[in-house]
Every structure is written in C-alpha cells, then in structure tokens.
Amino acid sequence: MDRLKIDKKIVSYAVNQTADQADETPKTEYRREPVDGGAEVIRMHEKLERPEMLVGSTYKVKTPVSDHAMYVTINDIILNEGTEHEKRRPFEIFINSKNLDHYQWIVALTRIISAVFRKGGDVTFLVDELKAVFDPRGGYWQPGGKFMPSIIAELGYIVEKHLIAIGLLGQQELDEGQRRLIAEKRAEFEESQKQTDAFSRSDYPEGAQLCSKCNTVALVMMDGCMTCLSCGDSKCG
C-alpha cells in the first residue's frame, strides 16, 4: 500500500469505486418507505438539487396582534412526475411581511423548516411542534371563535392544512358518537336561546330601558325626556 502525506486540511471525502461497482449502484435521489396508518414517507437524498421550478401555495395570515399580514408560501417538489407514482412533497417555505419586528425569527424559522423538508422523511412532526408554541403575552381569537395561542401556532396550522392538501396528512374526522354528541349539545343550546328574555337582544341602542306602554326595550333619553323609539310614547307628554 502506498503512503501519501497529507499536508492540507481535509474538507471532504468520498469512497472510490470501480467502474463495475459504479454501474451497479442505483443513482436514486430518494427512496420510499411505507408507514402503517399514514402517508408514504419519502427519504430524500442529501444531494437532491432544487429544480428550476417548483409548484406551491401561498396562505395569507392576518392576526390582530400585527398591523400587517404575513404571506406564507410552501413550495413542493414533484417526485416521479408523469407516472402513476407521482407524489408532491414539501421542499421549502417562505414567509413575507412588512412588519420588520418579526424579521429575525421569520428568517430563522423558514431556514430550519426548509432544511427539514429537504431532508425528507416524516416531516409531519413539525405540525405538533409549531402548534404547541404559546405566546407569554397571550394568544388571540380568530374570526369564527377559534383561539390561537401564538403566531407560530398559526403557522403550524397552515403547514398542517398544506400537508393535508397534498395528501401527506389525513383529514381528521369525527366518529359517529362524537357527531351525535355535538348535535345533541347544539340542539340543547338552541333551545335554551329561545327562552332568553327581551333584554338579551335588541335592535335599539345599548342601554335602552323597557317601555311600559309597548313592552319594548326602546326607551331612551331624548332632549331631556324619556322617549320610546318603538311606539313614540314620551314621559313629557
């Protein structure tokens, strides 16, 4: 065996192969691993290069804790394109916003998530990790009555929505017992709402009092006199 003196710093290495061995080795950029009860896990190769064009989706995030909206773009790589085994897998994520207060953590978060996407494997764990982040100053309510513990958690819900859209996560549905229970509770609530008194709902200004003549919560102070906005009755005659 010949000896070779190395007088420089080693920055990389590779195993030499004969011509026959190189021809026999499959040059795949990814490999598939089926997972029981879930989507097929794709193991990306570390040397998988980014294509010139990727397909993706952009989601708008408008929170009450910021004056400016955030736009989250998740790009996917298409594996086995044009075949019956064609699949979409997340490859990178970008977040854009006019609010520079979040610039540092946005850059750090997008780079880390993109690195996990490109590594491949089961990336669905990111959803639970992001959704479990709580803001120490408190969360906020989304339109529709859903509480969001933090902006990071909302990003987790967006990633989850995207993974469901491309088939990497399954849609979580309620079983028959849960649907029946919700229907019963909804019916009970609607029945209780029918028995609320006249003071609970009103088309008249807030703070109006009950008119003794027409029994409507529409009595307000006008020009120094209590006047009913429903029947026009006035204490001043």
C-alpha atoms as a PDB file:
ATOM      1  CA  MET A   1       0.000   0.000   0.000  1.00  0.00           C
ATOM      2  CA  ASP A   2       1.373   3.361  -0.994  1.00  0.00           C
ATOM      3  CA  ARG A   3       1.639   6.026   1.656  1.00  0.00           C
ATOM      4  CA  LEU A   4       0.597   9.594   0.929  1.00  0.00           C
ATOM      5  CA  LYS A   5       1.476  12.516   3.152  1.00  0.00           C
ATOM      6  CA  ILE A   6      -1.404  14.931   3.695  1.00  0.00           C
ATOM      7  CA  ASP A   7      -0.247  18.470   4.448  1.00  0.00           C
ATOM      8  CA  LYS A   8      -3.608  20.205   3.933  1.00  0.00           C
ATOM      9  CA  LYS A   9      -6.859  20.300   5.860  1.00  0.00           C
ATOM     10  CA  ILE A  10      -9.343  17.585   4.858  1.00  0.00           C
ATOM     11  CA  VAL A  11     -12.616  19.279   3.851  1.00  0.00           C
ATOM     12  CA  SER A  12     -14.439  16.331   2.252  1.00  0.00           C
ATOM     13  CA  TYR A  13     -14.035  12.672   1.368  1.00  0.00           C
ATOM     14  CA  ALA A  14     -15.592  10.018  -0.865  1.00  0.00           C
ATOM     15  CA  VAL A  15     -15.217   6.264  -1.355  1.00  0.00           C
ATOM     16  CA  ASN A  16     -13.634   5.307  -4.663  1.00  0.00           C
ATOM     17  CA  GLN A  17     -15.483   2.678  -6.679  1.00  0.00           C
ATOM     18  CA  THR A  18     -14.523   0.622  -9.666  1.00  0.00           C
ATOM     19  CA  ALA A  19     -16.338   1.114 -12.942  1.00  0.00           C
ATOM     20  CA  ASP A  20     -18.345  -2.104 -12.394  1.00  0.00           C
ATOM     21  CA  GLN A  21     -19.427  -1.080  -8.909  1.00  0.00           C
ATOM     22  CA  ALA A  22     -20.452   2.384 -10.077  1.00  0.00           C
ATOM     23  CA  ASP A  23     -22.655   0.885 -12.799  1.00  0.00           C
ATOM     24  CA  GLU A  24     -24.348  -1.496 -10.352  1.00  0.00           C
ATOM     25  CA  THR A  25     -25.129   1.189  -7.771  1.00  0.00           C
ATOM     26  CA  PRO A  26     -28.588   2.739  -8.349  1.00  0.00           C
ATOM     27  CA  LYS A  27     -28.366   6.515  -8.529  1.00  0.00           C
ATOM     28  CA  THR A  28     -31.633   7.376  -6.828  1.00  0.00           C
ATOM     29  CA  GLU A  29     -32.278  10.730  -5.255  1.00  0.00           C
ATOM     30  CA  TYR A  30     -34.894   9.432  -2.825  1.00  0.00           C
ATOM     31  CA  ARG A  31     -36.365   6.196  -1.535  1.00  0.00           C
ATOM     32  CA  ARG A  32     -39.866   5.337  -0.344  1.00  0.00           C
ATOM     33  CA  GLU A  33     -40.800   3.758   2.970  1.00  0.00           C
ATOM     34  CA  PRO A  34     -44.416   2.747   3.590  1.00  0.00           C
ATOM     35  CA  VAL A  35     -45.769   3.642   7.028  1.00  0.00           C
ATOM     36  CA  ASP A  36     -48.734   1.861   8.616  1.00  0.00           C
ATOM     37  CA  GLY A  37     -51.725   4.135   9.070  1.00  0.00           C
ATOM     38  CA  GLY A  38     -50.152   7.168   7.392  1.00  0.00           C
ATOM     39  CA  ALA A  39     -48.763   8.590   4.209  1.00  0.00           C
ATOM     40  CA  GLU A  40     -45.743   7.134   2.467  1.00  0.00           C
ATOM     41  CA  VAL A  41     -42.540   8.549   3.923  1.00  0.00           C
ATOM     42  CA  ILE A  42     -40.050   9.803   1.337  1.00  0.00           C
ATOM     43  CA  ARG A  43     -36.372   9.659   2.311  1.00  0.00           C
ATOM     44  CA  MET A  44     -34.679  12.425   0.345  1.00  0.00           C
ATOM     45  CA  HIS A  45     -31.051  12.193  -0.693  1.00  0.00           C
ATOM     46  CA  GLU A  46     -28.798  14.886   0.738  1.00  0.00           C
ATOM     47  CA  LYS A  47     -27.592  15.814  -2.766  1.00  0.00           C
ATOM     48  CA  LEU A  48     -31.077  16.353  -4.220  1.00  0.00           C
ATOM     49  CA  GLU A  49     -30.804  19.614  -6.143  1.00  0.00           C
ATOM     50  CA  ARG A  50     -33.538  22.199  -6.300  1.00  0.00           C
ATOM     51  CA  PRO A  51     -35.385  22.166  -9.645  1.00  0.00           C
ATOM     52  CA  GLU A  52     -35.681  25.334 -11.675  1.00  0.00           C
ATOM     53  CA  MET A  53     -39.431  25.498 -10.996  1.00  0.00           C
ATOM     54  CA  LEU A  54     -41.478  24.333  -8.012  1.00  0.00           C
ATOM     55  CA  VAL A  55     -45.230  24.309  -7.512  1.00  0.00           C
ATOM     56  CA  GLY A  56     -46.693  25.617  -4.286  1.00  0.00           C
ATOM     57  CA  SER A  57     -49.382  27.540  -2.443  1.00  0.00           C
ATOM     58  CA  THR A  58     -49.464  30.890  -0.641  1.00  0.00           C
ATOM     59  CA  TYR A  59     -51.528  31.447   2.501  1.00  0.00           C
ATOM     60  CA  LYS A  60     -52.445  34.828   3.969  1.00  0.00           C
ATOM     61  CA  VAL A  61     -52.193  35.257   7.753  1.00  0.00           C
ATOM     62  CA  LYS A  62     -53.806  38.344   9.304  1.00  0.00           C
ATOM     63  CA  THR A  63     -53.610  38.483  13.077  1.00  0.00           C
ATOM     64  CA  PRO A  64     -54.978  41.129  15.467  1.00  0.00           C
ATOM     65  CA  VAL A  65     -51.549  41.429  17.106  1.00  0.00           C
ATOM     66  CA  SER A  66     -49.952  42.878  13.961  1.00  0.00           C
ATOM     67  CA  ASP A  67     -50.953  45.685  11.614  1.00  0.00           C
ATOM     68  CA  HIS A  68     -49.527  43.877   8.590  1.00  0.00           C
ATOM     69  CA  ALA A  69     -50.451  40.499   7.164  1.00  0.00           C
ATOM     70  CA  MET A  70     -47.992  37.666   6.627  1.00  0.00           C
ATOM     71  CA  TYR A  71     -47.891  35.612   3.439  1.00  0.00           C
ATOM     72  CA  VAL A  72     -46.711  32.028   3.847  1.00  0.00           C
ATOM     73  CA  THR A  73     -45.577  30.230   0.684  1.00  0.00           C
ATOM     74  CA  ILE A  74     -44.871  26.483   0.733  1.00  0.00           C
ATOM     75  CA  ASN A  75     -43.293  25.032  -2.419  1.00  0.00           C
ATOM     76  CA  ASP A  76     -43.454  21.326  -3.241  1.00  0.00           C
ATOM     77  CA  ILE A  77     -41.210  19.045  -5.247  1.00  0.00           C
ATOM     78  CA  ILE A  78     -42.898  16.560  -7.577  1.00  0.00           C
ATOM     79  CA  LEU A  79     -41.480  13.043  -7.370  1.00  0.00           C
ATOM     80  CA  ASN A  80     -41.960  10.507 -10.188  1.00  0.00           C
ATOM     81  CA  GLU A  81     -43.521  13.211 -12.338  1.00  0.00           C
ATOM     82  CA  GLY A  82     -45.646  11.910 -15.175  1.00  0.00           C
ATOM     83  CA  THR A  83     -46.001   8.405 -13.742  1.00  0.00           C
ATOM     84  CA  GLU A  84     -48.661   6.637 -11.697  1.00  0.00           C
ATOM     85  CA  HIS A  85     -46.432   7.033  -8.627  1.00  0.00           C
ATOM     86  CA  GLU A  86     -46.346  10.833  -8.857  1.00  0.00           C
ATOM     87  CA  LYS A  87     -46.282  12.496  -5.436  1.00  0.00           C
ATOM     88  CA  ARG A  88     -45.912  16.010  -4.053  1.00  0.00           C
ATOM     89  CA  ARG A  89     -43.727  16.609  -1.030  1.00  0.00           C
ATOM     90  CA  PRO A  90     -42.906  19.933   0.700  1.00  0.00           C
ATOM     91  CA  PHE A  91     -39.496  21.263  -0.217  1.00  0.00           C
ATOM     92  CA  GLU A  92     -39.214  24.835   1.112  1.00  0.00           C
ATOM     93  CA  ILE A  93     -41.156  27.570   2.900  1.00  0.00           C
ATOM     94  CA  PHE A  94     -41.036  31.362   2.702  1.00  0.00           C
ATOM     95  CA  ILE A  95     -42.706  33.980   4.906  1.00  0.00           C
ATOM     96  CA  ASN A  96     -43.075  37.578   3.767  1.00  0.00           C
ATOM     97  CA  SER A  97     -44.345  40.531   5.803  1.00  0.00           C
ATOM     98  CA  LYS A  98     -43.979  44.293   6.015  1.00  0.00           C
ATOM     99  CA  ASN A  99     -43.585  44.011   9.782  1.00  0.00           C
ATOM    100  CA  LEU A 100     -39.830  44.055  10.418  1.00  0.00           C
ATOM    101  CA  ASP A 101     -40.300  43.297  14.123  1.00  0.00           C
ATOM    102  CA  HIS A 102     -40.503  39.599  13.248  1.00  0.00           C
ATOM    103  CA  TYR A 103     -37.738  39.600  10.630  1.00  0.00           C
ATOM    104  CA  GLN A 104     -35.105  37.671  12.609  1.00  0.00           C
ATOM    105  CA  TRP A 105     -37.256  34.775  13.778  1.00  0.00           C
ATOM    106  CA  ILE A 106     -39.002  34.581  10.390  1.00  0.00           C
ATOM    107  CA  VAL A 107     -35.667  34.059   8.615  1.00  0.00           C
ATOM    108  CA  ALA A 108     -34.503  31.516  11.199  1.00  0.00           C
ATOM    109  CA  LEU A 109     -37.785  29.605  11.170  1.00  0.00           C
ATOM    110  CA  THR A 110     -38.048  29.405   7.394  1.00  0.00           C
ATOM    111  CA  ARG A 111     -34.480  28.142   7.041  1.00  0.00           C
ATOM    112  CA  ILE A 112     -34.965  25.447   9.686  1.00  0.00           C
ATOM    113  CA  ILE A 113     -38.322  24.256   8.328  1.00  0.00           C
ATOM    114  CA  SER A 114     -36.985  24.241   4.758  1.00  0.00           C
ATOM    115  CA  ALA A 115     -33.984  22.176   5.885  1.00  0.00           C
ATOM    116  CA  VAL A 116     -36.325  19.621   7.491  1.00  0.00           C
ATOM    117  CA  PHE A 117     -38.456  19.494   4.344  1.00  0.00           C
ATOM    118  CA  ARG A 118     -35.416  18.909   2.126  1.00  0.00           C
ATOM    119  CA  LYS A 119     -34.080  16.202   4.404  1.00  0.00           C
ATOM    120  CA  GLY A 120     -37.263  14.233   3.785  1.00  0.00           C
ATOM    121  CA  GLY A 121     -38.674  11.505   5.956  1.00  0.00           C
ATOM    122  CA  ASP A 122     -41.649  12.031   8.228  1.00  0.00           C
ATOM    123  CA  VAL A 123     -41.959  15.831   8.399  1.00  0.00           C
ATOM    124  CA  THR A 124     -45.448  15.797   9.923  1.00  0.00           C
ATOM    125  CA  PHE A 125     -43.989  16.169  13.429  1.00  0.00           C
ATOM    126  CA  LEU A 126     -43.427  19.867  12.620  1.00  0.00           C
ATOM    127  CA  VAL A 127     -47.178  20.448  12.871  1.00  0.00           C
ATOM    128  CA  ASP A 128     -47.410  19.401  16.525  1.00  0.00           C
ATOM    129  CA  GLU A 129     -44.200  21.199  17.452  1.00  0.00           C
ATOM    130  CA  LEU A 130     -45.345  24.517  15.961  1.00  0.00           C
ATOM    131  CA  LYS A 131     -48.904  24.278  17.318  1.00  0.00           C
ATOM    132  CA  ALA A 132     -47.522  23.745  20.831  1.00  0.00           C
ATOM    133  CA  VAL A 133     -45.805  27.179  20.953  1.00  0.00           C
ATOM    134  CA  PHE A 134     -47.588  29.648  23.274  1.00  0.00           C
ATOM    135  CA  ASP A 135     -47.101  33.397  23.397  1.00  0.00           C
ATOM    136  CA  PRO A 136     -46.317  34.531  27.001  1.00  0.00           C
ATOM    137  CA  ARG A 137     -48.274  37.729  26.320  1.00  0.00           C
ATOM    138  CA  GLY A 138     -51.359  35.704  25.437  1.00  0.00           C
ATOM    139  CA  GLY A 139     -52.867  34.479  22.206  1.00  0.00           C
ATOM    140  CA  TYR A 140     -55.733  35.852  20.141  1.00  0.00           C
ATOM    141  CA  TRP A 141     -59.078  34.841  18.706  1.00  0.00           C
ATOM    142  CA  GLN A 142     -59.526  34.157  15.025  1.00  0.00           C
ATOM    143  CA  PRO A 143     -62.712  35.106  13.141  1.00  0.00           C
ATOM    144  CA  GLY A 144     -65.168  32.321  13.845  1.00  0.00           C
ATOM    145  CA  GLY A 145     -64.229  31.898  17.500  1.00  0.00           C
ATOM    146  CA  LYS A 146     -61.080  29.757  17.271  1.00  0.00           C
ATOM    147  CA  PHE A 147     -58.363  30.578  19.805  1.00  0.00           C
ATOM    148  CA  MET A 148     -54.790  30.750  18.531  1.00  0.00           C
ATOM    149  CA  PRO A 149     -52.078  30.590  21.246  1.00  0.00           C
ATOM    150  CA  SER A 150     -49.425  32.341  19.115  1.00  0.00           C
ATOM    151  CA  ILE A 151     -48.406  33.363  15.604  1.00  0.00           C
ATOM    152  CA  ILE A 152     -46.076  30.335  15.465  1.00  0.00           C
ATOM    153  CA  ALA A 153     -49.005  28.070  16.302  1.00  0.00           C
ATOM    154  CA  GLU A 154     -50.989  29.555  13.414  1.00  0.00           C
ATOM    155  CA  LEU A 155     -48.067  28.762  11.113  1.00  0.00           C
ATOM    156  CA  GLY A 156     -48.334  25.190  12.381  1.00  0.00           C
ATOM    157  CA  TYR A 157     -51.996  25.082  11.369  1.00  0.00           C
ATOM    158  CA  ILE A 158     -51.049  26.408   7.927  1.00  0.00           C
ATOM    159  CA  VAL A 159     -48.394  23.707   7.479  1.00  0.00           C
ATOM    160  CA  GLU A 160     -50.959  21.125   8.592  1.00  0.00           C
ATOM    161  CA  LYS A 161     -53.502  22.463   6.089  1.00  0.00           C
ATOM    162  CA  HIS A 162     -50.937  22.247   3.298  1.00  0.00           C
ATOM    163  CA  LEU A 163     -49.835  18.711   4.191  1.00  0.00           C
ATOM    164  CA  ILE A 164     -53.478  17.609   4.147  1.00  0.00           C
ATOM    165  CA  ALA A 165     -53.974  19.272   0.751  1.00  0.00           C
ATOM    166  CA  ILE A 166     -51.053  17.366  -0.838  1.00  0.00           C
ATOM    167  CA  GLY A 167     -52.011  14.058   0.779  1.00  0.00           C
ATOM    168  CA  LEU A 168     -49.189  13.767   3.299  1.00  0.00           C
ATOM    169  CA  LEU A 169     -51.595  14.013   6.250  1.00  0.00           C
ATOM    170  CA  GLY A 170     -55.051  12.529   6.545  1.00  0.00           C
ATOM    171  CA  GLN A 171     -58.112  14.664   7.226  1.00  0.00           C
ATOM    172  CA  GLN A 172     -59.161  14.234  10.841  1.00  0.00           C
ATOM    173  CA  GLU A 173     -62.873  13.469  11.031  1.00  0.00           C
ATOM    174  CA  LEU A 174     -65.195  12.938  13.996  1.00  0.00           C
ATOM    175  CA  ASP A 175     -66.601   9.495  14.591  1.00  0.00           C
ATOM    176  CA  GLU A 176     -70.335   8.785  14.761  1.00  0.00           C
ATOM    177  CA  GLY A 177     -70.506   9.100  18.553  1.00  0.00           C
ATOM    178  CA  GLN A 178     -68.775  12.499  18.561  1.00  0.00           C
ATOM    179  CA  ARG A 179     -71.020  13.831  15.799  1.00  0.00           C
ATOM    180  CA  ARG A 180     -74.136  12.662  17.663  1.00  0.00           C
ATOM    181  CA  LEU A 181     -72.967  14.286  20.907  1.00  0.00           C
ATOM    182  CA  ILE A 182     -72.255  17.593  19.169  1.00  0.00           C
ATOM    183  CA  ALA A 183     -75.693  17.527  17.508  1.00  0.00           C
ATOM    184  CA  GLU A 184     -77.391  16.950  20.884  1.00  0.00           C
ATOM    185  CA  LYS A 185     -75.467  19.770  22.581  1.00  0.00           C
ATOM    186  CA  ARG A 186     -76.209  22.119  19.696  1.00  0.00           C
ATOM    187  CA  ALA A 187     -79.922  21.347  19.923  1.00  0.00           C
ATOM    188  CA  GLU A 188     -79.868  21.973  23.689  1.00  0.00           C
ATOM    189  CA  PHE A 189     -78.130  25.309  23.216  1.00  0.00           C
ATOM    190  CA  GLU A 190     -80.543  26.463  20.501  1.00  0.00           C
ATOM    191  CA  GLU A 191     -83.499  25.506  22.685  1.00  0.00           C
ATOM    192  CA  SER A 192     -82.108  27.479  25.625  1.00  0.00           C
ATOM    193  CA  GLN A 193     -81.601  30.517  23.406  1.00  0.00           C
ATOM    194  CA  LYS A 194     -85.310  30.553  22.557  1.00  0.00           C
ATOM    195  CA  GLN A 195     -86.132  31.183  26.222  1.00  0.00           C
ATOM    196  CA  THR A 196     -83.997  34.287  26.670  1.00  0.00           C
ATOM    197  CA  ASP A 197     -85.813  37.427  27.760  1.00  0.00           C
ATOM    198  CA  ALA A 198     -86.332  40.595  25.805  1.00  0.00           C
ATOM    199  CA  PHE A 199     -83.293  42.289  27.335  1.00  0.00           C
ATOM    200  CA  SER A 200     -80.813  39.894  25.695  1.00  0.00           C
ATOM    201  CA  ARG A 201     -81.406  41.006  22.117  1.00  0.00           C
ATOM    202  CA  SER A 202     -82.472  44.389  20.876  1.00  0.00           C
ATOM    203  CA  ASP A 203     -82.347  46.401  17.675  1.00  0.00           C
ATOM    204  CA  TYR A 204     -82.316  49.611  19.695  1.00  0.00           C
ATOM    205  CA  PRO A 205     -79.352  51.468  21.263  1.00  0.00           C
ATOM    206  CA  GLU A 206     -77.436  49.789  24.058  1.00  0.00           C
ATOM    207  CA  GLY A 207     -78.681  50.897  27.474  1.00  0.00           C
ATOM    208  CA  ALA A 208     -82.299  51.351  26.373  1.00  0.00           C
ATOM    209  CA  GLN A 209     -84.932  50.656  29.000  1.00  0.00           C
ATOM    210  CA  LEU A 210     -88.252  48.820  28.868  1.00  0.00           C
ATOM    211  CA  CYS A 211     -91.218  50.870  27.680  1.00  0.00           C
ATOM    212  CA  SER A 212     -94.279  50.345  29.906  1.00  0.00           C
ATOM    213  CA  LYS A 213     -96.656  51.060  27.016  1.00  0.00           C
ATOM    214  CA  CYS A 214     -95.411  48.720  24.257  1.00  0.00           C
ATOM    215  CA  ASN A 215     -93.175  46.445  26.386  1.00  0.00           C
ATOM    216  CA  THR A 216     -90.180  47.038  24.112  1.00  0.00           C
ATOM    217  CA  VAL A 217     -86.632  47.751  25.267  1.00  0.00           C
ATOM    218  CA  ALA A 218     -86.543  51.032  23.353  1.00  0.00           C
ATOM    219  CA  LEU A 219     -86.865  53.771  25.981  1.00  0.00           C
ATOM    220  CA  VAL A 220     -84.003  56.293  25.730  1.00  0.00           C
ATOM    221  CA  MET A 221     -83.280  59.829  26.907  1.00  0.00           C
ATOM    222  CA  MET A 222     -84.032  62.390  24.163  1.00  0.00           C
ATOM    223  CA  ASP A 223     -83.989  66.154  24.731  1.00  0.00           C
ATOM    224  CA  GLY A 224     -84.143  65.677  28.476  1.00  0.00           C
ATOM    225  CA  CYS A 225     -87.135  63.359  28.295  1.00  0.00           C
ATOM    226  CA  MET A 226     -87.520  59.569  28.253  1.00  0.00           C
ATOM    227  CA  THR A 227     -88.910  58.672  24.833  1.00  0.00           C
ATOM    228  CA  CYS A 228     -89.744  55.271  23.331  1.00  0.00           C
ATOM    229  CA  LEU A 229     -88.190  54.666  19.917  1.00  0.00           C
ATOM    230  CA  SER A 230     -90.734  51.938  19.176  1.00  0.00           C
ATOM    231  CA  CYS A 231     -94.138  53.458  19.914  1.00  0.00           C
ATOM    232  CA  GLY A 232     -93.174  57.113  20.364  1.00  0.00           C
ATOM    233  CA  ASP A 233     -94.504  57.371  23.922  1.00  0.00           C
ATOM    234  CA  SER A 234     -92.871  60.196  25.857  1.00  0.00           C
ATOM    235  CA  LYS A 235     -92.837  60.971  29.569  1.00  0.00           C
ATOM    236  CA  CYS A 236     -93.134  64.641  28.709  1.00  0.00           C
ATOM    237  CA  GLY A 237     -96.482  64.160  27.004  1.00  0.00           C
END
